[in-house]
Amino acid sequence: MRRHPRLSALSWLAVFFLIAAVIFSTLQFVRFSRLRTTYPDGMTIAEVPVGGLDRQGAAQRLLEAYSLPVELLYDDQAILFEPSICGFDLDLESMLAAADLERTKQSFWVGFWDYLWGRQISNLSIPLRATYSESRLRTYLVDEIASRYDKPPSPAIPQPGTVNFISGTFGTELDLDTAVLLIDTAMQSINNRTVNLPRRQSSPPRPSLQNLETLLKQTIDLSGFDGITGLYLLNVSTLEEVHFAYQEGYEISTNPDLAFTTASIVKIPIMTSIFRRINEDEDAETINLLQKMIIESGNAPADWVMERVIHTSLAPLEITADMQSLGLENTFLAGEFKDYAPLLRVFKTPANQRVDFTTDPDQYNQSTTSDIGMLLEDIYLCADNGQGTFKAVFGDEITQTECQMMIDYLSQNKMPSLLEAGIPDVTEVAHKHGWVTYNGIMQTLGDAGIIFSPGGDYILVIFLYHPEQLIWDNASFLVGQLSSAIYNFYNQIQ
């Protein structure tokens, strides 16, 4: 009888290990199959760790991470900003699809083999994909942040009893463009969700023209001047103007404007008409007479240059016609400066036909603050760009170079009082002053000019009239004070 050999201990041991290996492999296979349905360890989506999570769990974790508010800091104020306010929206489908693709792009069996051998899959990272409405974010910042926390600057205010201004204060305002960029970055981060809102300094605004006009009238009142003051101010950049006639707290209508004796200020219209009729290379004698008329305020040179260039006897009427063609209906010259010069014509204008107020204007030369101001504006624009009313009315008869020559002559008319007294010496003032005396008594004086100040160019015309007598020291000081107040208005020290 044959006997079956018994399995040796070694054989039983081999069988045991084989069964154990099968069981171990089966368990690992089951475990790997389960892991295969989740995202691998080390994977991040939009910087959020999602290893070991299934698709739904990953989506939930992403929503929780990116729904947290962003902390906005404005000075000592902390504001919690919900991303949903600006429509922040995660593109979950796109990011999860990209993660699924990374998770499954390795074949099952290759992945299982690597898993059995403990080979780690390199960390996988899916970038953030999200959208939001920048316009809604900007609206929120303007309406909810800037409107509440910005500190507006305060304008300078007149200093009582002086022609100076008390400096305004700077403000702070949200730097909107930079804030949007910083919040954009914070909403797309899970670690740094705090933003120090950027701010910038805002300069104090200039006081209102109404405040300036009030200061000018207060200055007149404080001076004790009881005559009539006419003033015209024009900012040549903004075209804002102040225009008034004033006497002892009462505002006189400027419609129509009030007529004043122009005296030597009428030499600005004369100069304009002369340049209309000469060329840039005119003979030296004509130029010499022009310079003496403006720079030295010579009356005889004014008569001589009118006779030489315009007409031997009717030049004043030609000049008046030029002014009327420019729309300056209240400006005229009815005779020459010399003693006993004939009155060529009696001019009636809207300004000198008023019956409510009068400055007893001279029949030989008259204008208004606004007429002279507009003529200076015409000269300024012509010199600046060759355009303006001169170009429209006179064509090429007055050139840009000639207008600059006019300003140069007016700038050489140095007068340490009146307009220039209220302005620093380094500031260019192209002006013409004038006054008239009868029997040694002065009743009217004026000064009209273009001021080229650091804070902006402007035109200023001031006339003073007193029915009895103007005292030079008091009157010239008042004009200087008014000029200083206006200069300080445009050139405030911060």
Protein backbone atom coordinates (compact mmCIF):
# COMPACT_ATOMS: atom_id res chain seq x y z
CA MET A 1 0.00 0.00 0.00
CA ARG A 2 1.28 3.41 -1.12
CA ARG A 3 1.44 6.25 1.37
CA HIS A 4 0.96 9.95 0.40
CA PRO A 5 3.80 12.09 1.45
CA ARG A 6 2.96 14.69 4.07
CA LEU A 7 3.37 18.37 3.37
CA SER A 8 6.48 19.66 4.91
CA ALA A 9 6.48 22.61 7.27
CA LEU A 10 8.17 24.67 4.59
CA SER A 11 5.36 23.96 2.19
CA TRP A 12 2.76 24.94 4.74
CA LEU A 13 4.66 28.13 5.37
CA ALA A 14 4.72 28.92 1.66
CA VAL A 15 0.98 28.31 1.41
CA PHE A 16 0.43 30.60 4.37
CA PHE A 17 2.42 33.42 2.85
CA LEU A 18 0.70 32.98 -0.46
CA ILE A 19 -2.71 33.21 1.13
CA ALA A 20 -1.58 36.17 3.19
CA ALA A 21 -0.25 37.91 0.08
CA VAL A 22 -3.52 37.35 -1.70
CA ILE A 23 -5.46 38.70 1.26
CA PHE A 24 -3.09 41.67 1.62
CA SER A 25 -3.30 42.44 -2.08
CA THR A 26 -7.03 42.17 -2.00
CA LEU A 27 -7.26 44.54 0.94
CA GLN A 28 -4.85 46.96 -0.69
CA PHE A 29 -6.80 46.71 -3.93
CA VAL A 30 -10.02 47.55 -2.12
CA ARG A 31 -8.37 50.39 -0.25
CA PHE A 32 -6.75 51.78 -3.41
CA SER A 33 -10.07 51.55 -5.23
CA ARG A 34 -11.65 53.63 -2.50
CA LEU A 35 -8.77 56.11 -2.53
CA ARG A 36 -9.06 56.32 -6.28
CA THR A 37 -12.47 57.95 -5.82
CA THR A 38 -10.94 60.78 -3.72
CA TYR A 39 -8.27 63.32 -4.48
CA PRO A 40 -4.71 62.22 -3.71
CA ASP A 41 -2.84 63.43 -0.68
CA GLY A 42 -0.95 66.63 -1.33
CA MET A 43 -3.35 67.90 -3.97
CA THR A 44 -4.52 71.50 -3.63
CA ILE A 45 -7.21 73.35 -5.51
CA ALA A 46 -6.86 77.13 -5.38
CA GLU A 47 -4.36 76.69 -2.53
CA VAL A 48 -6.93 74.69 -0.52
CA PRO A 49 -5.76 71.15 0.49
CA VAL A 50 -8.26 68.59 -0.83
CA GLY A 51 -6.30 65.35 -0.33
CA GLY A 52 -8.59 62.53 0.76
CA LEU A 53 -11.76 64.43 -0.14
CA ASP A 54 -14.25 63.44 -2.75
CA ARG A 55 -15.63 65.89 -5.28
CA GLN A 56 -18.46 67.09 -3.03
CA GLY A 57 -16.20 67.49 -0.01
CA ALA A 58 -13.65 69.42 -2.03
CA ALA A 59 -16.32 71.75 -3.36
CA GLN A 60 -17.61 72.40 0.14
CA ARG A 61 -14.13 73.14 1.48
CA LEU A 62 -13.44 75.56 -1.38
CA LEU A 63 -16.68 77.42 -0.78
CA GLU A 64 -15.96 77.70 2.93
CA ALA A 65 -12.43 78.99 2.34
CA TYR A 66 -13.31 81.62 -0.23
CA SER A 67 -16.53 82.77 1.39
CA LEU A 68 -14.67 84.13 4.39
CA PRO A 69 -14.84 87.93 4.55
CA VAL A 70 -11.90 90.12 3.62
CA GLU A 71 -10.92 92.50 6.43
CA LEU A 72 -10.53 96.06 5.19
CA LEU A 73 -8.59 98.46 7.41
CA TYR A 74 -9.10 102.21 7.02
CA ASP A 75 -7.09 104.03 9.68
CA ASP A 76 -8.42 102.54 12.93
CA GLN A 77 -11.60 101.21 11.35
CA ALA A 78 -12.01 97.52 10.46
CA ILE A 79 -14.65 96.63 7.88
CA LEU A 80 -15.59 93.05 7.00
CA PHE A 81 -16.15 92.79 3.28
CA GLU A 82 -18.16 89.83 2.02
CA PRO A 83 -16.87 88.73 -1.42
CA SER A 84 -20.45 88.08 -2.50
CA ILE A 85 -21.03 91.85 -2.46
CA CYS A 86 -19.05 92.18 -5.66
CA GLY A 87 -20.35 88.92 -7.09
CA PHE A 88 -17.22 86.86 -6.35
CA ASP A 89 -17.93 83.42 -7.82
CA LEU A 90 -15.72 80.32 -7.82
CA ASP A 91 -15.66 78.37 -11.06
CA LEU A 92 -16.04 75.09 -9.18
CA GLU A 93 -16.92 72.96 -12.18
CA SER A 94 -13.83 74.01 -14.06
CA MET A 95 -11.46 73.56 -11.12
CA LEU A 96 -12.94 70.19 -10.06
CA ALA A 97 -12.85 68.94 -13.62
CA ALA A 98 -9.17 69.84 -13.82
CA ALA A 99 -8.57 68.07 -10.50
CA ASP A 100 -10.45 64.96 -11.70
CA LEU A 101 -8.34 64.93 -14.83
CA GLU A 102 -5.16 65.02 -12.78
CA ARG A 103 -6.52 62.34 -10.45
CA THR A 104 -7.40 59.89 -13.22
CA LYS A 105 -4.84 60.55 -15.93
CA GLN A 106 -2.63 57.69 -14.58
CA SER A 107 -3.97 54.21 -15.46
CA PHE A 108 -5.56 52.24 -12.65
CA TRP A 109 -3.03 49.41 -12.61
CA VAL A 110 0.00 51.66 -12.85
CA GLY A 111 -1.40 53.68 -10.02
CA PHE A 112 -2.11 50.53 -8.00
CA TRP A 113 1.42 49.27 -8.55
CA ASP A 114 2.88 52.60 -7.40
CA TYR A 115 0.57 52.50 -4.42
CA LEU A 116 1.74 48.99 -3.45
CA TRP A 117 5.33 50.13 -3.62
CA GLY A 118 4.62 53.29 -1.66
CA ARG A 119 5.58 55.63 -4.46
CA GLN A 120 4.14 59.05 -3.63
CA ILE A 121 2.43 61.03 -6.33
CA SER A 122 4.04 64.44 -6.66
CA ASN A 123 1.97 67.26 -5.20
CA LEU A 124 -0.65 68.47 -7.63
CA SER A 125 -1.94 72.04 -7.64
CA ILE A 126 -4.96 73.38 -9.50
CA PRO A 127 -4.97 77.18 -9.83
CA LEU A 128 -7.88 79.33 -8.72
CA ARG A 129 -10.50 80.19 -11.26
CA ALA A 130 -12.99 82.82 -10.16
CA THR A 131 -14.80 85.90 -11.39
CA TYR A 132 -16.20 89.04 -9.80
CA SER A 133 -17.65 92.39 -10.85
CA GLU A 134 -15.07 95.16 -10.61
CA SER A 135 -17.76 97.78 -11.16
CA ARG A 136 -19.72 96.46 -8.16
CA LEU A 137 -16.54 96.48 -6.07
CA ARG A 138 -15.83 100.09 -7.06
CA THR A 139 -19.40 101.09 -6.28
CA TYR A 140 -19.12 99.53 -2.84
CA LEU A 141 -15.83 101.27 -2.11
CA VAL A 142 -17.20 104.64 -3.17
CA ASP A 143 -20.60 104.37 -1.50
CA GLU A 144 -19.74 102.45 1.66
CA ILE A 145 -16.08 103.21 2.37
CA ALA A 146 -15.04 106.50 0.82
CA SER A 147 -18.29 108.27 1.64
CA ARG A 148 -18.02 107.25 5.31
CA TYR A 149 -14.34 107.34 6.09
CA ASP A 150 -12.72 109.82 3.72
CA LYS A 151 -11.79 113.08 5.42
CA PRO A 152 -12.49 115.98 3.08
CA PRO A 153 -10.05 118.88 3.02
CA SER A 154 -11.19 122.24 4.26
CA PRO A 155 -10.68 125.36 2.15
CA ALA A 156 -8.70 128.36 3.24
CA ILE A 157 -10.84 131.05 4.83
CA PRO A 158 -10.35 134.80 4.96
CA GLN A 159 -8.58 136.00 8.07
CA PRO A 160 -10.82 138.63 9.67
CA GLY A 161 -9.50 142.15 9.45
CA THR A 162 -6.76 141.31 6.93
CA VAL A 163 -6.37 140.52 3.23
CA ASN A 164 -4.80 137.16 4.08
CA PHE A 165 -6.26 133.68 4.16
CA ILE A 166 -6.00 131.12 6.93
CA SER A 167 -4.60 128.01 5.31
CA GLY A 168 -6.98 125.17 4.68
CA THR A 169 -6.36 121.63 5.90
CA PHE A 170 -5.43 118.62 3.83
CA GLY A 171 -7.82 115.70 3.66
CA THR A 172 -7.46 111.99 2.97
CA GLU A 173 -9.25 110.04 0.31
CA LEU A 174 -9.34 106.41 -0.71
CA ASP A 175 -6.97 105.49 -3.54
CA LEU A 176 -9.66 103.64 -5.43
CA ASP A 177 -7.60 102.05 -8.20
CA THR A 178 -4.96 100.65 -5.85
CA ALA A 179 -7.62 99.47 -3.39
CA VAL A 180 -9.33 97.46 -6.13
CA LEU A 181 -6.06 95.70 -6.97
CA LEU A 182 -5.33 94.87 -3.32
CA ILE A 183 -8.84 93.55 -2.64
CA ASP A 184 -8.68 91.52 -5.86
CA THR A 185 -5.52 89.86 -4.54
CA ALA A 186 -7.00 89.28 -1.07
CA MET A 187 -10.18 87.67 -2.41
CA GLN A 188 -8.01 85.19 -4.32
CA SER A 189 -5.96 84.22 -1.28
CA ILE A 190 -6.82 81.94 1.63
CA ASN A 191 -3.97 83.10 3.86
CA ASN A 192 -3.84 86.86 3.46
CA ARG A 193 -7.35 88.23 3.57
CA THR A 194 -6.58 91.55 5.25
CA VAL A 195 -6.14 94.75 3.25
CA ASN A 196 -4.82 98.06 4.52
CA LEU A 197 -6.78 100.37 2.28
CA PRO A 198 -4.44 102.82 0.55
CA ARG A 199 -5.14 106.51 0.99
CA ARG A 200 -3.78 109.66 -0.53
CA GLN A 201 -3.71 113.24 0.57
CA SER A 202 -6.19 115.65 -0.96
CA SER A 203 -5.27 119.31 -1.21
CA PRO A 204 -7.45 122.03 0.26
CA PRO A 205 -9.73 123.57 -2.35
CA ARG A 206 -9.53 127.23 -3.14
CA PRO A 207 -12.11 129.33 -1.31
CA SER A 208 -15.16 130.21 -3.32
CA LEU A 209 -15.27 133.35 -5.41
CA GLN A 210 -18.20 134.42 -3.28
CA ASN A 211 -15.89 134.35 -0.24
CA LEU A 212 -13.33 136.38 -2.15
CA GLU A 213 -15.91 138.96 -3.17
CA THR A 214 -17.06 139.22 0.44
CA LEU A 215 -13.46 139.73 1.58
CA LEU A 216 -12.91 142.45 -1.03
CA LYS A 217 -16.00 144.35 0.07
CA GLN A 218 -15.03 143.97 3.74
CA THR A 219 -11.61 145.36 2.86
CA ILE A 220 -13.26 148.40 1.28
CA ASP A 221 -15.48 148.86 4.34
CA LEU A 222 -12.56 148.54 6.77
CA SER A 223 -10.59 151.14 4.82
CA GLY A 224 -13.31 153.70 5.49
CA PHE A 225 -13.49 154.62 1.80
CA ASP A 226 -16.89 156.18 1.14
CA GLY A 227 -16.52 156.70 -2.60
CA ILE A 228 -17.34 154.29 -5.44
CA THR A 229 -15.18 151.25 -6.12
CA GLY A 230 -15.41 149.43 -9.44
CA LEU A 231 -13.67 146.06 -9.74
CA TYR A 232 -13.42 143.42 -12.44
CA LEU A 233 -11.49 140.16 -11.98
CA LEU A 234 -11.16 137.37 -14.55
CA ASN A 235 -9.33 134.07 -14.17
CA VAL A 236 -8.14 133.51 -17.74
CA SER A 237 -7.95 129.74 -17.28
CA THR A 238 -11.36 129.06 -15.74
CA LEU A 239 -13.10 132.23 -17.03
CA GLU A 240 -14.52 132.72 -13.53
CA GLU A 241 -15.03 136.37 -12.74
CA VAL A 242 -15.83 138.79 -9.96
CA HIS A 243 -17.43 142.03 -11.09
CA PHE A 244 -18.97 144.66 -8.87
CA ALA A 245 -19.40 148.34 -8.17
CA TYR A 246 -19.65 149.17 -4.48
CA GLN A 247 -20.14 152.11 -2.14
CA GLU A 248 -20.48 152.08 1.64
CA GLY A 249 -22.08 148.66 1.94
CA TYR A 250 -24.31 149.12 -1.09
CA GLU A 251 -23.78 147.08 -4.24
CA ILE A 252 -24.32 149.10 -7.40
CA SER A 253 -25.72 147.30 -10.41
CA THR A 254 -23.21 146.59 -13.19
CA ASN A 255 -25.86 146.10 -15.84
CA PRO A 256 -25.04 148.33 -17.58
CA ASP A 257 -21.61 148.83 -16.12
CA LEU A 258 -20.54 152.08 -14.49
CA ALA A 259 -18.53 154.61 -16.52
CA PHE A 260 -15.19 155.90 -15.20
CA THR A 261 -12.68 158.39 -16.51
CA THR A 262 -9.92 156.18 -17.92
CA ALA A 263 -7.14 158.80 -17.89
CA SER A 264 -3.91 157.06 -18.97
CA ILE A 265 -5.54 153.62 -18.94
CA VAL A 266 -7.05 154.62 -22.31
CA LYS A 267 -3.53 154.20 -23.67
CA ILE A 268 -4.22 150.45 -23.78
CA PRO A 269 -6.92 150.99 -26.47
CA ILE A 270 -4.58 153.46 -28.23
CA MET A 271 -1.78 150.87 -28.25
CA THR A 272 -4.17 148.26 -29.64
CA SER A 273 -5.21 150.50 -32.53
CA ILE A 274 -1.60 151.48 -33.26
CA PHE A 275 -0.52 147.84 -33.52
CA ARG A 276 -3.45 147.16 -35.82
CA ARG A 277 -1.96 149.65 -38.29
CA ILE A 278 1.76 148.95 -38.07
CA ASN A 279 3.97 145.98 -38.87
CA GLU A 280 6.25 144.09 -36.54
CA ASP A 281 9.25 145.78 -38.18
CA GLU A 282 7.86 149.32 -37.88
CA ASP A 283 10.25 152.26 -37.88
CA ALA A 284 12.15 152.96 -34.70
CA GLU A 285 10.50 156.33 -34.05
CA THR A 286 7.00 154.82 -33.91
CA ILE A 287 8.15 152.08 -31.56
CA ASN A 288 9.93 154.65 -29.42
CA LEU A 289 6.77 156.75 -29.11
CA LEU A 290 4.74 153.65 -28.23
CA GLN A 291 7.17 152.72 -25.48
CA LYS A 292 7.20 156.22 -24.04
CA MET A 293 3.39 156.28 -24.08
CA ILE A 294 3.08 153.01 -22.12
CA ILE A 295 6.25 152.65 -20.07
CA GLU A 296 6.64 156.33 -19.15
CA SER A 297 2.91 157.13 -19.47
CA GLY A 298 3.74 160.08 -21.71
CA ASN A 299 0.76 162.09 -22.94
CA ALA A 300 2.65 163.94 -25.66
CA PRO A 301 4.05 160.69 -27.15
CA ALA A 302 0.49 159.34 -27.14
CA ASP A 303 -0.72 162.28 -29.23
CA TRP A 304 2.28 162.11 -31.56
CA VAL A 305 2.01 158.37 -32.25
CA MET A 306 -1.75 158.68 -32.91
CA GLU A 307 -1.13 161.47 -35.41
CA ARG A 308 1.83 159.65 -36.97
CA VAL A 309 0.14 156.27 -37.46
CA ILE A 310 -3.64 156.72 -37.47
CA HIS A 311 -4.76 160.24 -38.46
CA THR A 312 -3.43 163.73 -37.99
CA SER A 313 -6.61 164.95 -36.32
CA LEU A 314 -9.25 162.21 -36.11
CA ALA A 315 -7.22 159.38 -34.58
CA PRO A 316 -9.30 159.31 -31.34
CA LEU A 317 -12.45 158.55 -33.33
CA GLU A 318 -10.68 155.75 -35.24
CA ILE A 319 -9.57 154.24 -31.94
CA THR A 320 -13.13 154.46 -30.61
CA ALA A 321 -14.39 152.70 -33.74
CA ASP A 322 -11.86 149.91 -33.18
CA MET A 323 -13.08 149.44 -29.62
CA GLN A 324 -16.70 149.35 -30.70
CA SER A 325 -15.88 146.73 -33.33
CA LEU A 326 -14.47 144.63 -30.46
CA GLY A 327 -17.80 144.97 -28.63
CA LEU A 328 -16.52 147.49 -26.06
CA GLU A 329 -19.47 149.85 -26.35
CA ASN A 330 -18.62 151.90 -23.26
CA THR A 331 -15.03 152.71 -24.26
CA PHE A 332 -14.11 155.82 -26.23
CA LEU A 333 -11.51 158.51 -26.80
CA ALA A 334 -13.02 161.80 -27.96
CA GLY A 335 -9.89 163.93 -28.16
CA GLU A 336 -6.15 164.08 -27.69
CA PHE A 337 -4.34 164.58 -24.37
CA LYS A 338 -2.85 167.98 -25.02
CA ASP A 339 -4.34 171.03 -23.36
CA TYR A 340 -7.25 172.59 -25.19
CA ALA A 341 -7.49 169.65 -27.60
CA PRO A 342 -10.84 169.84 -29.39
CA LEU A 343 -13.63 167.52 -28.28
CA LEU A 344 -14.26 165.66 -31.52
CA ARG A 345 -17.57 164.15 -30.50
CA VAL A 346 -19.85 163.72 -27.51
CA PHE A 347 -20.30 160.00 -26.92
CA LYS A 348 -23.36 158.61 -25.21
CA THR A 349 -22.95 155.08 -23.93
CA PRO A 350 -25.09 152.76 -21.84
CA ALA A 351 -22.64 153.33 -18.98
CA ASN A 352 -22.61 157.13 -18.97
CA GLN A 353 -26.34 157.46 -19.49
CA ARG A 354 -27.13 155.99 -16.09
CA VAL A 355 -28.96 158.33 -13.76
CA ASP A 356 -28.78 156.32 -10.53
CA PHE A 357 -25.02 156.63 -9.98
CA THR A 358 -22.30 158.67 -11.62
CA THR A 359 -18.56 159.10 -11.34
CA ASP A 360 -18.66 162.37 -13.27
CA PRO A 361 -16.65 160.81 -16.12
CA ASP A 362 -14.55 162.95 -18.45
CA GLN A 363 -16.11 163.63 -21.85
CA TYR A 364 -12.73 162.98 -23.49
CA ASN A 365 -12.10 159.39 -22.37
CA GLN A 366 -14.24 156.83 -20.63
CA SER A 367 -14.55 153.11 -20.12
CA THR A 368 -15.73 150.57 -17.58
CA THR A 369 -13.94 147.97 -15.52
CA SER A 370 -15.44 145.18 -17.62
CA ASP A 371 -14.56 146.80 -20.97
CA ILE A 372 -10.92 147.28 -20.00
CA GLY A 373 -10.85 143.78 -18.54
CA MET A 374 -12.16 142.26 -21.75
CA LEU A 375 -9.63 144.22 -23.83
CA LEU A 376 -6.81 142.88 -21.66
CA GLU A 377 -8.25 139.39 -22.09
CA ASP A 378 -8.16 139.88 -25.88
CA ILE A 379 -4.49 140.89 -25.67
CA TYR A 380 -3.69 137.92 -23.41
CA LEU A 381 -5.37 135.36 -25.68
CA CYS A 382 -3.77 136.84 -28.78
CA ALA A 383 -0.31 136.65 -27.19
CA ASP A 384 -0.96 133.16 -25.86
CA ASN A 385 -2.23 131.43 -28.99
CA GLY A 386 -2.88 134.02 -31.69
CA GLN A 387 -6.63 133.55 -31.38
CA GLY A 388 -9.49 135.32 -29.65
CA THR A 389 -11.49 138.40 -30.56
CA PHE A 390 -8.57 140.16 -32.28
CA LYS A 391 -8.30 137.29 -34.74
CA ALA A 392 -12.05 137.21 -35.33
CA VAL A 393 -12.42 140.97 -35.82
CA PHE A 394 -9.08 142.14 -37.21
CA GLY A 395 -7.86 138.99 -38.93
CA ASP A 396 -4.08 139.10 -39.27
CA GLU A 397 -3.79 142.84 -38.70
CA ILE A 398 -2.66 142.25 -35.10
CA THR A 399 -0.23 139.35 -34.83
CA GLN A 400 0.65 137.13 -31.91
CA THR A 401 4.11 138.71 -31.80
CA GLU A 402 2.59 142.19 -31.61
CA CYS A 403 0.32 141.14 -28.75
CA GLN A 404 3.34 139.82 -26.87
CA MET A 405 5.03 143.19 -27.49
CA MET A 406 2.02 144.90 -25.91
CA ILE A 407 2.38 142.73 -22.81
CA ASP A 408 6.12 143.40 -22.70
CA TYR A 409 5.54 147.17 -22.77
CA LEU A 410 2.86 146.95 -20.08
CA SER A 411 5.19 144.82 -17.94
CA GLN A 412 7.85 147.54 -18.08
CA ASN A 413 5.41 150.08 -16.61
CA LYS A 414 6.77 149.87 -13.07
CA MET A 415 4.70 151.38 -10.30
CA PRO A 416 5.53 150.59 -6.65
CA SER A 417 1.96 151.27 -5.60
CA LEU A 418 -1.58 150.40 -6.75
CA LEU A 419 -1.81 146.85 -8.22
CA GLU A 420 1.90 146.11 -7.90
CA ALA A 421 1.93 147.04 -4.21
CA GLY A 422 -0.11 143.95 -3.40
CA ILE A 423 1.98 141.52 -5.45
CA PRO A 424 5.50 140.09 -4.88
CA ASP A 425 8.21 141.79 -6.92
CA VAL A 426 9.10 138.58 -8.76
CA THR A 427 5.59 138.33 -10.24
CA GLU A 428 5.13 139.79 -13.71
CA VAL A 429 2.43 142.46 -13.84
CA ALA A 430 1.53 143.85 -17.26
CA HIS A 431 -0.52 146.90 -16.37
CA LYS A 432 -1.41 150.51 -17.01
CA HIS A 433 -2.42 152.91 -14.27
CA GLY A 434 -3.98 156.31 -14.55
CA TRP A 435 -5.55 159.19 -12.67
CA VAL A 436 -6.72 162.68 -13.43
CA THR A 437 -6.59 165.86 -11.39
CA TYR A 438 -8.56 169.07 -11.80
CA ASN A 439 -7.13 172.13 -10.08
CA GLY A 440 -4.86 169.85 -8.09
CA ILE A 441 -7.73 167.67 -6.85
CA MET A 442 -7.86 163.98 -7.80
CA GLN A 443 -11.27 162.37 -7.98
CA THR A 444 -10.61 159.22 -10.05
CA LEU A 445 -7.76 156.75 -10.25
CA GLY A 446 -7.44 153.28 -11.65
CA ASP A 447 -5.11 150.45 -12.50
CA ALA A 448 -5.67 147.62 -14.96
CA GLY A 449 -3.40 144.69 -15.62
CA ILE A 450 -2.64 141.08 -16.36
CA ILE A 451 -1.01 139.30 -13.42
CA PHE A 452 1.08 136.22 -14.22
CA SER A 453 1.05 134.56 -10.81
CA PRO A 454 2.29 131.07 -9.83
CA GLY A 455 -1.26 130.13 -8.88
CA GLY A 456 -2.72 131.18 -12.22
CA ASP A 457 -2.92 134.15 -14.55
CA TYR A 458 -5.70 136.64 -13.99
CA ILE A 459 -6.87 140.05 -15.14
CA LEU A 460 -7.67 142.74 -12.60
CA VAL A 461 -9.14 146.19 -13.16
CA ILE A 462 -9.86 148.60 -10.29
CA PHE A 463 -11.25 152.14 -10.41
CA LEU A 464 -11.86 154.42 -7.42
CA TYR A 465 -13.95 157.58 -7.52
CA HIS A 466 -14.76 160.16 -4.88
CA PRO A 467 -16.98 163.15 -5.63
CA GLU A 468 -14.90 165.49 -3.48
CA GLN A 469 -11.31 164.26 -3.40
CA LEU A 470 -9.24 161.10 -3.39
CA ILE A 471 -6.35 161.17 -0.97
CA TRP A 472 -3.48 159.45 -2.79
CA ASP A 473 -2.02 157.57 0.17
CA ASN A 474 -5.38 156.15 1.23
CA ALA A 475 -6.63 155.41 -2.28
CA SER A 476 -3.43 153.79 -3.54
CA PHE A 477 -3.19 151.74 -0.34
CA LEU A 478 -6.74 150.46 -0.83
CA VAL A 479 -6.00 149.39 -4.42
CA GLY A 480 -2.88 147.61 -3.15
CA GLN A 481 -4.89 145.84 -0.44
CA LEU A 482 -7.51 144.66 -2.92
CA SER A 483 -4.76 143.45 -5.25
CA SER A 484 -3.05 141.65 -2.37
CA ALA A 485 -6.27 139.89 -1.33
CA ILE A 486 -6.76 138.58 -4.86
CA TYR A 487 -3.14 137.48 -5.19
CA ASN A 488 -3.40 135.64 -1.85
CA PHE A 489 -6.61 134.00 -3.05
CA TYR A 490 -4.83 132.43 -6.03
CA ASN A 491 -1.53 131.78 -4.26
CA GLN A 492 -2.27 130.39 -0.82
CA ILE A 493 0.61 129.12 1.31
CA GLN A 494 -0.14 125.55 2.42
